[in-house]
């Protein structure tokens, strides 16, 4: 009886160990892709305040949600975001917009004391997801305001991108719709720059130096004859 119980215990121990190893296998982590952007070269580019940026509550987590055929959302079992998707979006938007505007002077709201923006870009993202059989979809609204807070432009946006169903390609598709959104916002800022030219003051012109007065013509003495016994000329 004891001889039979010992192999059985070894078998159960091996099964529990295998189950534990399977359960703790590392899960792939994903981040949105910025695309082919570089670091802005212009240190004195346009000053932009990005924000407030409002992101839907269901996106403020690490779970990589999958949109199902019935519209429901379920977390992916074989992958998740590398940190908060909302925090990643903030940095993606800032870096991509700075690259497209070629300006180092972009700040996320709230701005630090002393920063004076030329324009403000507000953004609200209400949807960003995909699924094995559903395309990547981004729904958002952006608003462009001047330094005085006056609304200059704005748009409701819905962008879609197809994929092949894998998580890797879903993340690629979601990255592309974010890049398309940033492109729209950058083009609006550039259009505002083109139509709003700061009037340059006319340079102060110094009065031309006065020309020296021409010297007076020398007076030629007039010869007047004196009448008398002889002609005497007096000057």
C-alpha atoms as a PDB file:
ATOM      1  CA  UNK A   1       0.000   0.000   0.000  1.00  0.00           C
ATOM      2  CA  UNK A   2       2.858   2.324   0.919  1.00  0.00           C
ATOM      3  CA  UNK A   3       4.684   1.419  -2.288  1.00  0.00           C
ATOM      4  CA  UNK A   4       1.700   2.474  -4.396  1.00  0.00           C
ATOM      5  CA  UNK A   5       1.087   5.726  -2.475  1.00  0.00           C
ATOM      6  CA  UNK A   6       4.652   7.038  -3.008  1.00  0.00           C
ATOM      7  CA  UNK A   7       4.562   7.078  -6.869  1.00  0.00           C
ATOM      8  CA  UNK A   8       1.085   8.650  -6.743  1.00  0.00           C
ATOM      9  CA  UNK A   9       2.380  11.484  -4.562  1.00  0.00           C
ATOM     10  CA  UNK A  10       5.266  12.067  -6.969  1.00  0.00           C
ATOM     11  CA  UNK A  11       2.820  12.231  -9.887  1.00  0.00           C
ATOM     12  CA  UNK A  12       0.591  14.781  -8.126  1.00  0.00           C
ATOM     13  CA  UNK A  13       3.589  16.892  -7.175  1.00  0.00           C
ATOM     14  CA  UNK A  14       4.777  16.924 -10.786  1.00  0.00           C
ATOM     15  CA  UNK A  15       1.318  17.935 -12.027  1.00  0.00           C
ATOM     16  CA  UNK A  16       1.059  20.792  -9.518  1.00  0.00           C
ATOM     17  CA  UNK A  17       4.533  22.008 -10.473  1.00  0.00           C
ATOM     18  CA  UNK A  18       3.643  21.937 -14.172  1.00  0.00           C
ATOM     19  CA  UNK A  19       0.425  23.847 -13.511  1.00  0.00           C
ATOM     20  CA  UNK A  20       2.333  26.455 -11.503  1.00  0.00           C
ATOM     21  CA  UNK A  21       4.895  26.953 -14.257  1.00  0.00           C
ATOM     22  CA  UNK A  22       2.177  27.359 -16.871  1.00  0.00           C
ATOM     23  CA  UNK A  23       0.303  29.863 -14.751  1.00  0.00           C
ATOM     24  CA  UNK A  24       3.360  32.073 -14.206  1.00  0.00           C
ATOM     25  CA  UNK A  25       4.603  32.204 -17.769  1.00  0.00           C
ATOM     26  CA  UNK A  26       5.565  35.798 -18.713  1.00  0.00           C
ATOM     27  CA  UNK A  27       2.873  37.712 -20.583  1.00  0.00           C
ATOM     28  CA  UNK A  28       3.971  39.893 -23.541  1.00  0.00           C
ATOM     29  CA  UNK A  29       3.768  43.640 -22.892  1.00  0.00           C
ATOM     30  CA  UNK A  30       2.812  46.151 -25.576  1.00  0.00           C
ATOM     31  CA  UNK A  31       3.224  49.882 -26.171  1.00  0.00           C
ATOM     32  CA  UNK A  32       1.879  52.172 -28.863  1.00  0.00           C
ATOM     33  CA  UNK A  33       4.335  52.928 -31.668  1.00  0.00           C
ATOM     34  CA  UNK A  34       5.295  56.550 -32.347  1.00  0.00           C
ATOM     35  CA  UNK A  35       6.206  55.866 -35.953  1.00  0.00           C
ATOM     36  CA  UNK A  36       9.199  57.373 -37.733  1.00  0.00           C
ATOM     37  CA  UNK A  37       9.582  60.600 -35.768  1.00  0.00           C
ATOM     38  CA  UNK A  38      12.666  62.392 -34.557  1.00  0.00           C
ATOM     39  CA  UNK A  39      13.556  64.900 -31.888  1.00  0.00           C
ATOM     40  CA  UNK A  40      12.491  68.446 -32.855  1.00  0.00           C
ATOM     41  CA  UNK A  41      15.413  70.582 -33.935  1.00  0.00           C
ATOM     42  CA  UNK A  42      13.796  73.998 -33.465  1.00  0.00           C
ATOM     43  CA  UNK A  43      14.241  75.122 -29.871  1.00  0.00           C
ATOM     44  CA  UNK A  44      12.289  78.304 -30.528  1.00  0.00           C
ATOM     45  CA  UNK A  45       9.311  76.794 -32.359  1.00  0.00           C
ATOM     46  CA  UNK A  46       5.693  77.544 -31.624  1.00  0.00           C
ATOM     47  CA  UNK A  47       4.688  77.315 -27.945  1.00  0.00           C
ATOM     48  CA  UNK A  48       1.809  74.828 -27.535  1.00  0.00           C
ATOM     49  CA  UNK A  49      -0.072  73.797 -24.411  1.00  0.00           C
ATOM     50  CA  UNK A  50      -1.412  70.269 -24.929  1.00  0.00           C
ATOM     51  CA  UNK A  51      -4.362  69.603 -22.708  1.00  0.00           C
ATOM     52  CA  UNK A  52      -6.372  69.028 -20.850  1.00  0.00           C
ATOM     53  CA  UNK A  53      -6.317  65.518 -22.316  1.00  0.00           C
ATOM     54  CA  UNK A  54      -9.345  63.509 -21.182  1.00  0.00           C
ATOM     55  CA  UNK A  55      -9.216  59.739 -21.731  1.00  0.00           C
ATOM     56  CA  UNK A  56     -12.132  57.356 -21.226  1.00  0.00           C
ATOM     57  CA  UNK A  57     -12.139  55.524 -17.894  1.00  0.00           C
ATOM     58  CA  UNK A  58     -12.009  52.064 -19.471  1.00  0.00           C
ATOM     59  CA  UNK A  59      -8.647  52.938 -21.080  1.00  0.00           C
ATOM     60  CA  UNK A  60      -6.948  53.881 -17.827  1.00  0.00           C
ATOM     61  CA  UNK A  61      -5.609  50.427 -17.042  1.00  0.00           C
ATOM     62  CA  UNK A  62      -2.995  47.895 -18.088  1.00  0.00           C
ATOM     63  CA  UNK A  63      -5.419  45.333 -19.515  1.00  0.00           C
ATOM     64  CA  UNK A  64      -5.382  45.129 -23.296  1.00  0.00           C
ATOM     65  CA  UNK A  65      -9.114  45.017 -23.928  1.00  0.00           C
ATOM     66  CA  UNK A  66     -10.599  43.132 -26.845  1.00  0.00           C
ATOM     67  CA  UNK A  67     -13.771  44.302 -28.567  1.00  0.00           C
ATOM     68  CA  UNK A  68     -15.954  41.272 -29.247  1.00  0.00           C
ATOM     69  CA  UNK A  69     -18.457  40.762 -32.050  1.00  0.00           C
ATOM     70  CA  UNK A  70     -21.359  41.735 -29.744  1.00  0.00           C
ATOM     71  CA  UNK A  71     -19.596  44.975 -28.726  1.00  0.00           C
ATOM     72  CA  UNK A  72     -18.498  43.780 -25.289  1.00  0.00           C
ATOM     73  CA  UNK A  73     -14.939  44.212 -23.997  1.00  0.00           C
ATOM     74  CA  UNK A  74     -12.847  41.426 -22.464  1.00  0.00           C
ATOM     75  CA  UNK A  75      -9.193  41.558 -21.336  1.00  0.00           C
ATOM     76  CA  UNK A  76      -6.714  39.713 -23.523  1.00  0.00           C
ATOM     77  CA  UNK A  77      -5.228  36.628 -21.863  1.00  0.00           C
ATOM     78  CA  UNK A  78      -2.001  36.580 -23.857  1.00  0.00           C
ATOM     79  CA  UNK A  79      -0.907  40.215 -23.592  1.00  0.00           C
ATOM     80  CA  UNK A  80      -1.351  43.528 -21.793  1.00  0.00           C
ATOM     81  CA  UNK A  81      -0.167  47.122 -21.960  1.00  0.00           C
ATOM     82  CA  UNK A  82       3.227  47.973 -20.486  1.00  0.00           C
ATOM     83  CA  UNK A  83       1.782  50.297 -17.850  1.00  0.00           C
ATOM     84  CA  UNK A  84      -1.238  52.568 -18.020  1.00  0.00           C
ATOM     85  CA  UNK A  85      -2.501  53.136 -21.552  1.00  0.00           C
ATOM     86  CA  UNK A  86      -3.671  56.636 -20.566  1.00  0.00           C
ATOM     87  CA  UNK A  87      -0.183  57.642 -19.398  1.00  0.00           C
ATOM     88  CA  UNK A  88       1.334  56.177 -22.570  1.00  0.00           C
ATOM     89  CA  UNK A  89      -1.124  58.147 -24.696  1.00  0.00           C
ATOM     90  CA  UNK A  90      -0.153  61.433 -23.014  1.00  0.00           C
ATOM     91  CA  UNK A  91       3.506  60.937 -23.901  1.00  0.00           C
ATOM     92  CA  UNK A  92       2.753  59.640 -27.401  1.00  0.00           C
ATOM     93  CA  UNK A  93       0.622  62.675 -28.210  1.00  0.00           C
ATOM     94  CA  UNK A  94       3.203  65.129 -26.862  1.00  0.00           C
ATOM     95  CA  UNK A  95       6.191  63.600 -28.665  1.00  0.00           C
ATOM     96  CA  UNK A  96       4.411  63.099 -31.973  1.00  0.00           C
ATOM     97  CA  UNK A  97       2.913  66.610 -32.010  1.00  0.00           C
ATOM     98  CA  UNK A  98       6.276  68.163 -31.121  1.00  0.00           C
ATOM     99  CA  UNK A  99       7.946  66.255 -33.963  1.00  0.00           C
ATOM    100  CA  UNK A 100       5.343  67.269 -36.531  1.00  0.00           C
ATOM    101  CA  UNK A 101       5.523  70.938 -35.488  1.00  0.00           C
ATOM    102  CA  UNK A 102       9.317  70.791 -35.142  1.00  0.00           C
ATOM    103  CA  UNK A 103       9.156  72.566 -31.801  1.00  0.00           C
ATOM    104  CA  UNK A 104      10.624  71.864 -28.392  1.00  0.00           C
ATOM    105  CA  UNK A 105       8.153  74.238 -26.764  1.00  0.00           C
ATOM    106  CA  UNK A 106       5.301  71.831 -26.059  1.00  0.00           C
ATOM    107  CA  UNK A 107       3.989  71.280 -22.543  1.00  0.00           C
ATOM    108  CA  UNK A 108       1.315  69.015 -21.106  1.00  0.00           C
ATOM    109  CA  UNK A 109      -1.358  70.770 -19.084  1.00  0.00           C
ATOM    110  CA  UNK A 110      -1.215  72.068 -16.444  1.00  0.00           C
ATOM    111  CA  UNK A 111       1.640  74.272 -17.600  1.00  0.00           C
ATOM    112  CA  UNK A 112       4.431  75.335 -15.309  1.00  0.00           C
ATOM    113  CA  UNK A 113       4.555  78.925 -14.120  1.00  0.00           C
ATOM    114  CA  UNK A 114       6.083  81.222 -16.695  1.00  0.00           C
ATOM    115  CA  UNK A 115       5.071  79.210 -19.767  1.00  0.00           C
ATOM    116  CA  UNK A 116       3.058  81.388 -22.153  1.00  0.00           C
ATOM    117  CA  UNK A 117       1.463  79.302 -24.954  1.00  0.00           C
ATOM    118  CA  UNK A 118       0.678  80.703 -28.358  1.00  0.00           C
ATOM    119  CA  UNK A 119      -2.017  78.071 -28.925  1.00  0.00           C
ATOM    120  CA  UNK A 120      -3.785  75.451 -26.819  1.00  0.00           C
ATOM    121  CA  UNK A 121      -4.851  72.004 -28.015  1.00  0.00           C
ATOM    122  CA  UNK A 122      -7.511  70.257 -25.936  1.00  0.00           C
ATOM    123  CA  UNK A 123      -8.356  66.607 -26.544  1.00  0.00           C
ATOM    124  CA  UNK A 124     -10.932  64.074 -25.398  1.00  0.00           C
ATOM    125  CA  UNK A 125     -10.510  60.399 -26.361  1.00  0.00           C
ATOM    126  CA  UNK A 126     -13.675  58.386 -25.787  1.00  0.00           C
ATOM    127  CA  UNK A 127     -12.666  55.166 -27.552  1.00  0.00           C
ATOM    128  CA  UNK A 128      -9.504  53.334 -28.560  1.00  0.00           C
ATOM    129  CA  UNK A 129      -9.741  49.564 -28.956  1.00  0.00           C
ATOM    130  CA  UNK A 130      -9.864  46.643 -31.353  1.00  0.00           C
ATOM    131  CA  UNK A 131     -10.670  42.950 -31.356  1.00  0.00           C
ATOM    132  CA  UNK A 132      -9.838  39.730 -33.167  1.00  0.00           C
ATOM    133  CA  UNK A 133     -12.645  40.422 -35.640  1.00  0.00           C
ATOM    134  CA  UNK A 134     -13.055  44.168 -35.110  1.00  0.00           C
ATOM    135  CA  UNK A 135     -10.858  46.919 -36.590  1.00  0.00           C
ATOM    136  CA  UNK A 136      -8.913  49.376 -34.489  1.00  0.00           C
ATOM    137  CA  UNK A 137     -11.209  52.337 -33.792  1.00  0.00           C
ATOM    138  CA  UNK A 138     -10.380  55.719 -32.294  1.00  0.00           C
ATOM    139  CA  UNK A 139     -13.108  58.222 -31.429  1.00  0.00           C
ATOM    140  CA  UNK A 140     -12.091  61.632 -30.138  1.00  0.00           C
ATOM    141  CA  UNK A 141     -12.678  65.371 -30.215  1.00  0.00           C
ATOM    142  CA  UNK A 142      -9.931  67.983 -30.427  1.00  0.00           C
ATOM    143  CA  UNK A 143     -10.136  71.747 -29.973  1.00  0.00           C
ATOM    144  CA  UNK A 144      -7.663  74.442 -31.005  1.00  0.00           C
ATOM    145  CA  UNK A 145      -7.709  77.715 -29.059  1.00  0.00           C
ATOM    146  CA  UNK A 146      -5.666  80.864 -29.249  1.00  0.00           C
ATOM    147  CA  UNK A 147      -3.596  82.387 -26.480  1.00  0.00           C
ATOM    148  CA  UNK A 148      -6.689  84.262 -25.304  1.00  0.00           C
ATOM    149  CA  UNK A 149      -8.736  81.051 -25.049  1.00  0.00           C
ATOM    150  CA  UNK A 150     -10.873  81.838 -28.106  1.00  0.00           C
ATOM    151  CA  UNK A 151     -11.862  78.712 -30.065  1.00  0.00           C
ATOM    152  CA  UNK A 152     -10.142  78.666 -33.443  1.00  0.00           C
ATOM    153  CA  UNK A 153     -10.892  75.171 -34.753  1.00  0.00           C
ATOM    154  CA  UNK A 154     -12.149  71.787 -33.629  1.00  0.00           C
ATOM    155  CA  UNK A 155     -13.337  68.449 -34.925  1.00  0.00           C
ATOM    156  CA  UNK A 156     -15.094  65.245 -33.950  1.00  0.00           C
ATOM    157  CA  UNK A 157     -12.994  62.330 -35.180  1.00  0.00           C
ATOM    158  CA  UNK A 158     -13.606  58.648 -35.889  1.00  0.00           C
ATOM    159  CA  UNK A 159     -10.674  56.738 -37.356  1.00  0.00           C
ATOM    160  CA  UNK A 160     -10.453  53.051 -38.285  1.00  0.00           C
ATOM    161  CA  UNK A 161      -7.590  50.773 -39.261  1.00  0.00           C
ATOM    162  CA  UNK A 162      -7.782  47.121 -40.325  1.00  0.00           C
ATOM    163  CA  UNK A 163      -5.488  44.380 -38.959  1.00  0.00           C
ATOM    164  CA  UNK A 164      -4.976  40.628 -39.255  1.00  0.00           C
ATOM    165  CA  UNK A 165      -6.405  39.711 -35.835  1.00  0.00           C
ATOM    166  CA  UNK A 166      -3.208  39.100 -33.849  1.00  0.00           C
ATOM    167  CA  UNK A 167      -2.435  41.257 -30.817  1.00  0.00           C
ATOM    168  CA  UNK A 168       0.764  42.490 -32.435  1.00  0.00           C
ATOM    169  CA  UNK A 169      -1.106  43.748 -35.486  1.00  0.00           C
ATOM    170  CA  UNK A 170      -3.906  45.166 -33.367  1.00  0.00           C
ATOM    171  CA  UNK A 171      -1.388  47.318 -31.483  1.00  0.00           C
ATOM    172  CA  UNK A 172       0.089  48.405 -34.819  1.00  0.00           C
ATOM    173  CA  UNK A 173      -3.372  49.416 -36.056  1.00  0.00           C
ATOM    174  CA  UNK A 174      -4.153  51.318 -32.853  1.00  0.00           C
ATOM    175  CA  UNK A 175      -0.817  53.120 -33.144  1.00  0.00           C
ATOM    176  CA  UNK A 176      -1.675  54.199 -36.692  1.00  0.00           C
ATOM    177  CA  UNK A 177      -5.016  55.767 -35.745  1.00  0.00           C
ATOM    178  CA  UNK A 178      -3.300  57.718 -32.955  1.00  0.00           C
ATOM    179  CA  UNK A 179      -0.712  58.951 -35.478  1.00  0.00           C
ATOM    180  CA  UNK A 180      -3.506  60.033 -37.838  1.00  0.00           C
ATOM    181  CA  UNK A 181      -5.156  61.966 -35.009  1.00  0.00           C
ATOM    182  CA  UNK A 182      -1.922  63.806 -34.192  1.00  0.00           C
ATOM    183  CA  UNK A 183      -1.463  64.639 -37.880  1.00  0.00           C
ATOM    184  CA  UNK A 184      -4.875  66.345 -37.952  1.00  0.00           C
ATOM    185  CA  UNK A 185      -4.083  68.425 -34.882  1.00  0.00           C
ATOM    186  CA  UNK A 186      -0.652  69.406 -36.208  1.00  0.00           C
ATOM    187  CA  UNK A 187      -2.118  70.523 -39.539  1.00  0.00           C
ATOM    188  CA  UNK A 188      -4.651  72.718 -37.704  1.00  0.00           C
ATOM    189  CA  UNK A 189      -1.882  74.379 -35.699  1.00  0.00           C
ATOM    190  CA  UNK A 190       0.204  74.941 -38.837  1.00  0.00           C
ATOM    191  CA  UNK A 191      -2.787  76.430 -40.680  1.00  0.00           C
ATOM    192  CA  UNK A 192      -3.305  78.849 -37.795  1.00  0.00           C
ATOM    193  CA  UNK A 193       0.353  79.822 -37.947  1.00  0.00           C
ATOM    194  CA  UNK A 194       0.114  80.488 -41.675  1.00  0.00           C
ATOM    195  CA  UNK A 195      -2.924  82.784 -41.354  1.00  0.00           C
ATOM    196  CA  UNK A 196      -1.763  84.604 -38.229  1.00  0.00           C
ATOM    197  CA  UNK A 197       1.351  86.546 -39.025  1.00  0.00           C
ATOM    198  CA  UNK A 198       2.671  88.804 -36.339  1.00  0.00           C
ATOM    199  CA  UNK A 199       2.861  92.315 -37.702  1.00  0.00           C
ATOM    200  CA  UNK A 200       6.408  93.493 -37.509  1.00  0.00           C
ATOM    201  CA  UNK A 201       6.858  97.158 -36.521  1.00  0.00           C
ATOM    202  CA  UNK A 202       8.304  99.420 -39.167  1.00  0.00           C
ATOM    203  CA  UNK A 203      11.934 100.143 -38.451  1.00  0.00           C
ATOM    204  CA  UNK A 204      12.523 103.624 -37.066  1.00  0.00           C
ATOM    205  CA  UNK A 205      14.154 105.645 -39.757  1.00  0.00           C
ATOM    206  CA  UNK A 206      16.623 108.271 -38.692  1.00  0.00           C
ATOM    207  CA  UNK A 207      16.114 111.631 -40.317  1.00  0.00           C
ATOM    208  CA  UNK A 208      18.579 112.293 -43.074  1.00  0.00           C
ATOM    209  CA  UNK A 209      21.319 114.684 -41.969  1.00  0.00           C
ATOM    210  CA  UNK A 210      20.690 118.213 -43.079  1.00  0.00           C
ATOM    211  CA  UNK A 211      22.719 119.282 -46.038  1.00  0.00           C
ATOM    212  CA  UNK A 212      25.082 122.161 -45.280  1.00  0.00           C
ATOM    213  CA  UNK A 213      23.879 125.441 -46.672  1.00  0.00           C
ATOM    214  CA  UNK A 214      25.529 126.466 -49.868  1.00  0.00           C
ATOM    215  CA  UNK A 215      27.960 129.348 -49.287  1.00  0.00           C
ATOM    216  CA  UNK A 216      26.648 132.702 -50.340  1.00  0.00           C
ATOM    217  CA  UNK A 217      27.930 133.941 -53.628  1.00  0.00           C
ATOM    218  CA  UNK A 218      30.619 136.554 -53.116  1.00  0.00           C
ATOM    219  CA  UNK A 219      29.463 140.080 -53.692  1.00  0.00           C
ATOM    220  CA  UNK A 220      31.193 141.777 -56.569  1.00  0.00           C
ATOM    221  CA  UNK A 221      31.798 145.411 -55.820  1.00  0.00           C
ATOM    222  CA  UNK A 222      30.123 147.743 -58.188  1.00  0.00           C
ATOM    223  CA  UNK A 223      32.315 150.319 -59.863  1.00  0.00           C
ATOM    224  CA  UNK A 224      30.744 153.744 -59.650  1.00  0.00           C
ATOM    225  CA  UNK A 225      32.390 156.578 -61.523  1.00  0.00           C
ATOM    226  CA  UNK A 226      32.805 159.863 -59.685  1.00  0.00           C
ATOM    227  CA  UNK A 227      32.126 162.835 -61.744  1.00  0.00           C
ATOM    228  CA  UNK A 228      34.537 165.632 -61.433  1.00  0.00           C
ATOM    229  CA  UNK A 229      37.525 166.874 -63.061  1.00  0.00           C
ATOM    230  CA  UNK A 230      38.806 163.448 -63.690  1.00  0.00           C
ATOM    231  CA  UNK A 231      37.261 160.066 -63.502  1.00  0.00           C
ATOM    232  CA  UNK A 232      38.020 158.417 -60.193  1.00  0.00           C
ATOM    233  CA  UNK A 233      36.813 154.943 -59.613  1.00  0.00           C
ATOM    234  CA  UNK A 234      35.644 154.108 -56.097  1.00  0.00           C
ATOM    235  CA  UNK A 235      35.213 150.653 -54.833  1.00  0.00           C
END
